[in-house]
Structures are given as structure tokens and as C-alpha cells.
PDB file of all heavy atoms in Angstrom:
ATOM      1  N   GLU A   1       2.480 -43.155 -46.119  1.00  0.00           N
ATOM      2  CA  GLU A   1       3.101 -44.403 -46.581  1.00  0.00           C
ATOM      3  C   GLU A   1       3.980 -44.173 -47.801  1.00  0.00           C
ATOM      4  O   GLU A   1       5.091 -44.697 -47.902  1.00  0.00           O
ATOM      5  CB  GLU A   1       2.012 -45.440 -46.882  1.00  0.00           C
ATOM      6  CG  GLU A   1       2.571 -46.805 -47.220  1.00  0.00           C
ATOM      7  CD  GLU A   1       1.488 -47.859 -47.381  1.00  0.00           C
ATOM      8  OE1 GLU A   1       0.330 -47.594 -46.999  1.00  0.00           O
ATOM      9  OE2 GLU A   1       1.809 -48.966 -47.890  1.00  0.00           O
ATOM     10  N   MET A   2       3.501 -43.370 -48.740  1.00  0.00           N
ATOM     11  CA  MET A   2       4.274 -43.122 -49.955  1.00  0.00           C
ATOM     12  C   MET A   2       5.540 -42.322 -49.658  1.00  0.00           C
ATOM     13  O   MET A   2       6.594 -42.565 -50.270  1.00  0.00           O
ATOM     14  CB  MET A   2       3.418 -42.414 -51.004  1.00  0.00           C
ATOM     15  CG  MET A   2       2.912 -41.051 -50.625  1.00  0.00           C
ATOM     16  SD  MET A   2       1.657 -40.403 -51.794  1.00  0.00           S
ATOM     17  CE  MET A   2       2.710 -39.784 -53.100  1.00  0.00           C
ATOM     18  N   ILE A   3       5.467 -41.401 -48.699  1.00  0.00           N
ATOM     19  CA  ILE A   3       6.654 -40.627 -48.336  1.00  0.00           C
ATOM     20  C   ILE A   3       7.681 -41.519 -47.641  1.00  0.00           C
ATOM     21  O   ILE A   3       8.881 -41.491 -47.961  1.00  0.00           O
ATOM     22  CB  ILE A   3       6.270 -39.428 -47.449  1.00  0.00           C
ATOM     23  CG1 ILE A   3       5.625 -38.337 -48.299  1.00  0.00           C
ATOM     24  CG2 ILE A   3       7.503 -38.876 -46.709  1.00  0.00           C
ATOM     25  CD1 ILE A   3       6.529 -37.742 -49.375  1.00  0.00           C
ATOM     26  N   ASP A   4       7.242 -42.323 -46.685  1.00  0.00           N
ATOM     27  CA  ASP A   4       8.182 -43.199 -45.981  1.00  0.00           C
ATOM     28  C   ASP A   4       8.861 -44.155 -46.952  1.00  0.00           C
ATOM     29  O   ASP A   4      10.075 -44.393 -46.861  1.00  0.00           O
ATOM     30  CB  ASP A   4       7.460 -43.978 -44.880  1.00  0.00           C
ATOM     31  CG  ASP A   4       7.112 -43.121 -43.679  1.00  0.00           C
ATOM     32  OD1 ASP A   4       7.560 -41.951 -43.627  1.00  0.00           O
ATOM     33  OD2 ASP A   4       6.384 -43.609 -42.797  1.00  0.00           O
ATOM     34  N   ALA A   5       8.118 -44.698 -47.902  1.00  0.00           N
ATOM     35  CA  ALA A   5       8.705 -45.617 -48.872  1.00  0.00           C
ATOM     36  C   ALA A   5       9.674 -44.893 -49.803  1.00  0.00           C
ATOM     37  O   ALA A   5      10.673 -45.472 -50.250  1.00  0.00           O
ATOM     38  CB  ALA A   5       7.597 -46.291 -49.679  1.00  0.00           C
ATOM     39  N   ALA A   6       9.404 -43.630 -50.101  1.00  0.00           N
ATOM     40  CA  ALA A   6      10.297 -42.870 -50.982  1.00  0.00           C
ATOM     41  C   ALA A   6      11.614 -42.544 -50.298  1.00  0.00           C
ATOM     42  O   ALA A   6      12.663 -42.461 -50.956  1.00  0.00           O
ATOM     43  CB  ALA A   6       9.605 -41.581 -51.435  1.00  0.00           C
ATOM     44  N   VAL A   7      11.572 -42.360 -48.980  1.00  0.00           N
ATOM     45  CA  VAL A   7      12.816 -42.113 -48.242  1.00  0.00           C
ATOM     46  C   VAL A   7      13.596 -43.415 -48.096  1.00  0.00           C
ATOM     47  O   VAL A   7      14.773 -43.512 -48.467  1.00  0.00           O
ATOM     48  CB  VAL A   7      12.517 -41.492 -46.863  1.00  0.00           C
ATOM     49  CG1 VAL A   7      13.812 -41.357 -46.046  1.00  0.00           C
ATOM     50  CG2 VAL A   7      11.866 -40.130 -47.013  1.00  0.00           C
ATOM     51  N   PHE A   8      12.956 -44.430 -47.514  1.00  0.00           N
ATOM     52  CA  PHE A   8      13.564 -45.759 -47.398  1.00  0.00           C
ATOM     53  C   PHE A   8      12.526 -46.806 -47.769  1.00  0.00           C
ATOM     54  O   PHE A   8      11.415 -46.785 -47.222  1.00  0.00           O
ATOM     55  CB  PHE A   8      14.067 -46.034 -45.975  1.00  0.00           C
ATOM     56  CG  PHE A   8      14.525 -47.465 -45.821  1.00  0.00           C
ATOM     57  CD1 PHE A   8      15.796 -47.836 -46.246  1.00  0.00           C
ATOM     58  CD2 PHE A   8      13.688 -48.440 -45.310  1.00  0.00           C
ATOM     59  CE1 PHE A   8      16.208 -49.151 -46.155  1.00  0.00           C
ATOM     60  CE2 PHE A   8      14.088 -49.759 -45.203  1.00  0.00           C
ATOM     61  CZ  PHE A   8      15.362 -50.122 -45.633  1.00  0.00           C
ATOM     62  N   PRO A   9      12.825 -47.643 -48.735  1.00  0.00           N
ATOM     63  CA  PRO A   9      14.113 -47.851 -49.406  1.00  0.00           C
ATOM     64  C   PRO A   9      14.306 -47.046 -50.685  1.00  0.00           C
ATOM     65  O   PRO A   9      15.282 -47.257 -51.406  1.00  0.00           O
ATOM     66  CB  PRO A   9      14.066 -49.341 -49.727  1.00  0.00           C
ATOM     67  CG  PRO A   9      12.617 -49.587 -50.021  1.00  0.00           C
ATOM     68  CD  PRO A   9      11.858 -48.706 -49.070  1.00  0.00           C
ATOM     69  N   GLY A  10      13.384 -46.110 -50.967  1.00  0.00           N
ATOM     70  CA  GLY A  10      13.405 -45.444 -52.267  1.00  0.00           C
ATOM     71  C   GLY A  10      14.636 -44.625 -52.564  1.00  0.00           C
ATOM     72  O   GLY A  10      15.108 -44.604 -53.703  1.00  0.00           O
ATOM     73  N   GLY A  11      15.176 -43.928 -51.556  1.00  0.00           N
ATOM     74  CA  GLY A  11      16.285 -43.024 -51.851  1.00  0.00           C
ATOM     75  C   GLY A  11      17.444 -43.089 -50.896  1.00  0.00           C
ATOM     76  O   GLY A  11      18.518 -42.545 -51.186  1.00  0.00           O
ATOM     77  N   GLN A  12      17.254 -43.702 -49.753  1.00  0.00           N
ATOM     78  CA  GLN A  12      18.309 -43.792 -48.753  1.00  0.00           C
ATOM     79  C   GLN A  12      18.360 -45.199 -48.173  1.00  0.00           C
ATOM     80  O   GLN A  12      17.371 -45.938 -48.211  1.00  0.00           O
ATOM     81  CB  GLN A  12      18.060 -42.800 -47.604  1.00  0.00           C
ATOM     82  CG  GLN A  12      18.108 -41.351 -48.009  1.00  0.00           C
ATOM     83  CD  GLN A  12      17.912 -40.386 -46.850  1.00  0.00           C
ATOM     84  OE1 GLN A  12      17.950 -39.176 -47.045  1.00  0.00           O
ATOM     85  NE2 GLN A  12      17.713 -40.894 -45.645  1.00  0.00           N
ATOM     86  N   GLY A  13      19.529 -45.538 -47.597  1.00  0.00           N
ATOM     87  CA  GLY A  13      19.667 -46.780 -46.856  1.00  0.00           C
ATOM     88  C   GLY A  13      19.546 -46.509 -45.371  1.00  0.00           C
ATOM     89  O   GLY A  13      18.560 -45.965 -44.906  1.00  0.00           O
ATOM     90  N   GLY A  14      20.588 -46.850 -44.635  1.00  0.00           N
ATOM     91  CA  GLY A  14      20.548 -46.665 -43.195  1.00  0.00           C
ATOM     92  C   GLY A  14      20.469 -45.205 -42.811  1.00  0.00           C
ATOM     93  O   GLY A  14      21.227 -44.374 -43.334  1.00  0.00           O
ATOM     94  N   PRO A  15      19.567 -44.858 -41.895  1.00  0.00           N
ATOM     95  CA  PRO A  15      19.483 -43.466 -41.432  1.00  0.00           C
ATOM     96  C   PRO A  15      20.689 -43.102 -40.577  1.00  0.00           C
ATOM     97  O   PRO A  15      21.316 -43.970 -39.958  1.00  0.00           O
ATOM     98  CB  PRO A  15      18.194 -43.448 -40.605  1.00  0.00           C
ATOM     99  CG  PRO A  15      18.048 -44.856 -40.121  1.00  0.00           C
ATOM    100  CD  PRO A  15      18.585 -45.727 -41.214  1.00  0.00           C
ATOM    101  N   LEU A  16      21.026 -41.834 -40.556  1.00  0.00           N
ATOM    102  CA  LEU A  16      22.144 -41.340 -39.742  1.00  0.00           C
ATOM    103  C   LEU A  16      21.618 -41.073 -38.338  1.00  0.00           C
ATOM    104  O   LEU A  16      21.139 -39.987 -38.029  1.00  0.00           O
ATOM    105  CB  LEU A  16      22.724 -40.073 -40.362  1.00  0.00           C
ATOM    106  CG  LEU A  16      23.129 -40.181 -41.838  1.00  0.00           C
ATOM    107  CD1 LEU A  16      23.671 -38.844 -42.341  1.00  0.00           C
ATOM    108  CD2 LEU A  16      24.144 -41.296 -42.049  1.00  0.00           C
ATOM    109  N   MET A  17      21.699 -42.096 -37.480  1.00  0.00           N
ATOM    110  CA  MET A  17      21.047 -42.004 -36.182  1.00  0.00           C
ATOM    111  C   MET A  17      21.666 -40.930 -35.285  1.00  0.00           C
ATOM    112  O   MET A  17      20.978 -40.356 -34.440  1.00  0.00           O
ATOM    113  CB  MET A  17      21.070 -43.360 -35.472  1.00  0.00           C
ATOM    114  CG  MET A  17      20.195 -44.415 -36.135  1.00  0.00           C
ATOM    115  SD  MET A  17      18.495 -43.884 -36.514  1.00  0.00           S
ATOM    116  CE  MET A  17      17.918 -43.316 -34.920  1.00  0.00           C
ATOM    117  N   HIS A  18      22.954 -40.651 -35.452  1.00  0.00           N
ATOM    118  CA  HIS A  18      23.552 -39.567 -34.666  1.00  0.00           C
ATOM    119  C   HIS A  18      22.970 -38.218 -35.085  1.00  0.00           C
ATOM    120  O   HIS A  18      22.732 -37.350 -34.239  1.00  0.00           O
ATOM    121  CB  HIS A  18      25.079 -39.571 -34.787  1.00  0.00           C
ATOM    122  CG  HIS A  18      25.590 -39.542 -36.193  1.00  0.00           C
ATOM    123  ND1 HIS A  18      25.230 -40.467 -37.142  1.00  0.00           N
ATOM    124  CD2 HIS A  18      26.452 -38.691 -36.811  1.00  0.00           C
ATOM    125  CE1 HIS A  18      25.842 -40.191 -38.283  1.00  0.00           C
ATOM    126  NE2 HIS A  18      26.577 -39.109 -38.110  1.00  0.00           N
ATOM    127  N   ASN A  19      22.689 -38.037 -36.373  1.00  0.00           N
ATOM    128  CA  ASN A  19      22.046 -36.801 -36.813  1.00  0.00           C
ATOM    129  C   ASN A  19      20.601 -36.728 -36.346  1.00  0.00           C
ATOM    130  O   ASN A  19      20.102 -35.656 -35.980  1.00  0.00           O
ATOM    131  CB  ASN A  19      22.104 -36.695 -38.341  1.00  0.00           C
ATOM    132  CG  ASN A  19      23.443 -36.186 -38.837  1.00  0.00           C
ATOM    133  OD1 ASN A  19      24.455 -36.378 -38.172  1.00  0.00           O
ATOM    134  ND2 ASN A  19      23.463 -35.567 -39.988  1.00  0.00           N
ATOM    135  N   ILE A  20      19.912 -37.854 -36.367  1.00  0.00           N
ATOM    136  CA  ILE A  20      18.536 -37.871 -35.886  1.00  0.00           C
ATOM    137  C   ILE A  20      18.493 -37.540 -34.395  1.00  0.00           C
ATOM    138  O   ILE A  20      17.586 -36.842 -33.918  1.00  0.00           O
ATOM    139  CB  ILE A  20      17.870 -39.220 -36.195  1.00  0.00           C
ATOM    140  CG1 ILE A  20      17.674 -39.347 -37.719  1.00  0.00           C
ATOM    141  CG2 ILE A  20      16.534 -39.375 -35.469  1.00  0.00           C
ATOM    142  CD1 ILE A  20      17.161 -40.697 -38.176  1.00  0.00           C
ATOM    143  N   ALA A  21      19.484 -38.012 -33.651  1.00  0.00           N
ATOM    144  CA  ALA A  21      19.569 -37.632 -32.234  1.00  0.00           C
ATOM    145  C   ALA A  21      19.783 -36.133 -32.094  1.00  0.00           C
ATOM    146  O   ALA A  21      19.189 -35.481 -31.221  1.00  0.00           O
ATOM    147  CB  ALA A  21      20.696 -38.389 -31.550  1.00  0.00           C
ATOM    148  N   GLY A  22      20.627 -35.559 -32.962  1.00  0.00           N
ATOM    149  CA  GLY A  22      20.807 -34.109 -32.946  1.00  0.00           C
ATOM    150  C   GLY A  22      19.532 -33.366 -33.270  1.00  0.00           C
ATOM    151  O   GLY A  22      19.241 -32.308 -32.700  1.00  0.00           O
ATOM    152  N   LYS A  23      18.726 -33.930 -34.189  1.00  0.00           N
ATOM    153  CA  LYS A  23      17.425 -33.336 -34.481  1.00  0.00           C
ATOM    154  C   LYS A  23      16.520 -33.405 -33.247  1.00  0.00           C
ATOM    155  O   LYS A  23      15.861 -32.417 -32.888  1.00  0.00           O
ATOM    156  CB  LYS A  23      16.763 -34.063 -35.654  1.00  0.00           C
ATOM    157  CG  LYS A  23      17.498 -33.929 -36.978  1.00  0.00           C
ATOM    158  CD  LYS A  23      16.871 -34.815 -38.054  1.00  0.00           C
ATOM    159  CE  LYS A  23      17.727 -34.853 -39.306  1.00  0.00           C
ATOM    160  NZ  LYS A  23      17.169 -35.701 -40.371  1.00  0.00           N
ATOM    161  N   ALA A  24      16.481 -34.575 -32.597  1.00  0.00           N
ATOM    162  CA  ALA A  24      15.622 -34.742 -31.424  1.00  0.00           C
ATOM    163  C   ALA A  24      15.980 -33.747 -30.327  1.00  0.00           C
ATOM    164  O   ALA A  24      15.095 -33.110 -29.729  1.00  0.00           O
ATOM    165  CB  ALA A  24      15.726 -36.175 -30.894  1.00  0.00           C
ATOM    166  N   VAL A  25      17.263 -33.595 -30.059  1.00  0.00           N
ATOM    167  CA  VAL A  25      17.703 -32.676 -29.008  1.00  0.00           C
ATOM    168  C   VAL A  25      17.389 -31.228 -29.390  1.00  0.00           C
ATOM    169  O   VAL A  25      16.880 -30.439 -28.580  1.00  0.00           O
ATOM    170  CB  VAL A  25      19.210 -32.857 -28.728  1.00  0.00           C
ATOM    171  CG1 VAL A  25      19.707 -31.793 -27.746  1.00  0.00           C
ATOM    172  CG2 VAL A  25      19.496 -34.255 -28.174  1.00  0.00           C
ATOM    173  N   GLY A  26      17.676 -30.867 -30.638  1.00  0.00           N
ATOM    174  CA  GLY A  26      17.378 -29.509 -31.085  1.00  0.00           C
ATOM    175  C   GLY A  26      15.895 -29.207 -31.075  1.00  0.00           C
ATOM    176  O   GLY A  26      15.476 -28.089 -30.738  1.00  0.00           O
ATOM    177  N   PHE A  27      15.069 -30.186 -31.434  1.00  0.00           N
ATOM    178  CA  PHE A  27      13.623 -29.976 -31.391  1.00  0.00           C
ATOM    179  C   PHE A  27      13.150 -29.782 -29.948  1.00  0.00           C
ATOM    180  O   PHE A  27      12.243 -28.981 -29.684  1.00  0.00           O
ATOM    181  CB  PHE A  27      12.887 -31.154 -32.022  1.00  0.00           C
ATOM    182  CG  PHE A  27      13.121 -31.337 -33.501  1.00  0.00           C
ATOM    183  CD1 PHE A  27      12.792 -32.534 -34.125  1.00  0.00           C
ATOM    184  CD2 PHE A  27      13.668 -30.321 -34.273  1.00  0.00           C
ATOM    185  CE1 PHE A  27      12.998 -32.706 -35.487  1.00  0.00           C
ATOM    186  CE2 PHE A  27      13.886 -30.485 -35.644  1.00  0.00           C
ATOM    187  CZ  PHE A  27      13.545 -31.692 -36.248  1.00  0.00           C
ATOM    188  N   ALA A  28      13.744 -30.543 -29.020  1.00  0.00           N
ATOM    189  CA  ALA A  28      13.378 -30.355 -27.608  1.00  0.00           C
ATOM    190  C   ALA A  28      13.713 -28.944 -27.158  1.00  0.00           C
ATOM    191  O   ALA A  28      12.928 -28.299 -26.442  1.00  0.00           O
ATOM    192  CB  ALA A  28      14.103 -31.380 -26.739  1.00  0.00           C
ATOM    193  N   GLU A  29      14.858 -28.428 -27.575  1.00  0.00           N
ATOM    194  CA  GLU A  29      15.220 -27.042 -27.239  1.00  0.00           C
ATOM    195  C   GLU A  29      14.233 -26.054 -27.861  1.00  0.00           C
ATOM    196  O   GLU A  29      13.865 -25.053 -27.238  1.00  0.00           O
ATOM    197  CB  GLU A  29      16.640 -26.755 -27.726  1.00  0.00           C
ATOM    198  CG  GLU A  29      17.708 -27.528 -26.978  1.00  0.00           C
ATOM    199  CD  GLU A  29      19.096 -27.349 -27.583  1.00  0.00           C
ATOM    200  OE1 GLU A  29      19.200 -26.904 -28.743  1.00  0.00           O
ATOM    201  OE2 GLU A  29      20.071 -27.675 -26.882  1.00  0.00           O
ATOM    202  N   ALA A  30      13.806 -26.348 -29.098  1.00  0.00           N
ATOM    203  CA  ALA A  30      12.891 -25.432 -29.784  1.00  0.00           C
ATOM    204  C   ALA A  30      11.498 -25.417 -29.163  1.00  0.00           C
ATOM    205  O   ALA A  30      10.733 -24.470 -29.388  1.00  0.00           O
ATOM    206  CB  ALA A  30      12.794 -25.804 -31.262  1.00  0.00           C
ATOM    207  N   LEU A  31      11.164 -26.438 -28.394  1.00  0.00           N
ATOM    208  CA  LEU A  31       9.875 -26.463 -27.692  1.00  0.00           C
ATOM    209  C   LEU A  31       9.895 -25.639 -26.408  1.00  0.00           C
ATOM    210  O   LEU A  31       8.838 -25.405 -25.812  1.00  0.00           O
ATOM    211  CB  LEU A  31       9.477 -27.910 -27.378  1.00  0.00           C
ATOM    212  CG  LEU A  31       9.001 -28.729 -28.589  1.00  0.00           C
ATOM    213  CD1 LEU A  31       8.971 -30.211 -28.251  1.00  0.00           C
ATOM    214  CD2 LEU A  31       7.621 -28.248 -29.040  1.00  0.00           C
ATOM    215  N   GLU A  32      11.085 -25.202 -25.993  1.00  0.00           N
ATOM    216  CA  GLU A  32      11.195 -24.373 -24.796  1.00  0.00           C
ATOM    217  C   GLU A  32      10.793 -22.928 -25.110  1.00  0.00           C
ATOM    218  O   GLU A  32      11.019 -22.439 -26.227  1.00  0.00           O
ATOM    219  CB  GLU A  32      12.633 -24.397 -24.279  1.00  0.00           C
ATOM    220  CG  GLU A  32      13.074 -25.745 -23.729  1.00  0.00           C
ATOM    221  CD  GLU A  32      12.396 -26.040 -22.406  1.00  0.00           C
ATOM    222  OE1 GLU A  32      12.608 -25.280 -21.451  1.00  0.00           O
ATOM    223  OE2 GLU A  32      11.630 -27.023 -22.357  1.00  0.00           O
ATOM    224  N   PRO A  33      10.207 -22.196 -24.153  1.00  0.00           N
ATOM    225  CA  PRO A  33       9.799 -20.803 -24.403  1.00  0.00           C
ATOM    226  C   PRO A  33      10.943 -19.908 -24.874  1.00  0.00           C
ATOM    227  O   PRO A  33      10.711 -18.964 -25.647  1.00  0.00           O
ATOM    228  CB  PRO A  33       9.269 -20.347 -23.039  1.00  0.00           C
ATOM    229  CG  PRO A  33       8.822 -21.608 -22.373  1.00  0.00           C
ATOM    230  CD  PRO A  33       9.780 -22.668 -22.820  1.00  0.00           C
ATOM    231  N   ALA A  34      12.171 -20.201 -24.445  1.00  0.00           N
ATOM    232  CA  ALA A  34      13.302 -19.361 -24.840  1.00  0.00           C
ATOM    233  C   ALA A  34      13.531 -19.369 -26.340  1.00  0.00           C
ATOM    234  O   ALA A  34      14.074 -18.406 -26.895  1.00  0.00           O
ATOM    235  CB  ALA A  34      14.573 -19.825 -24.123  1.00  0.00           C
TER     236      ALA A  34
END
């Protein structure tokens, strides 16, 4: 709870959803054996 509050609204406003999508896709690739 303290970490989430420190990120928003503590230090950032709207999240960069296109970057978060890039994180999601990259994490999916990192879960592959390759």
C-alpha cells in the first residue's frame, strides 16, 4: 500500500500505458524458455 501510494499520487500522475504494454509484452517473452 505504501509503495503504490508513493508512485501514485505521490510521485507520478497518469501512467504511460503504452510503456506498460511494452513491459507486458517483454515480460511474456521473458517467460519463454528461449
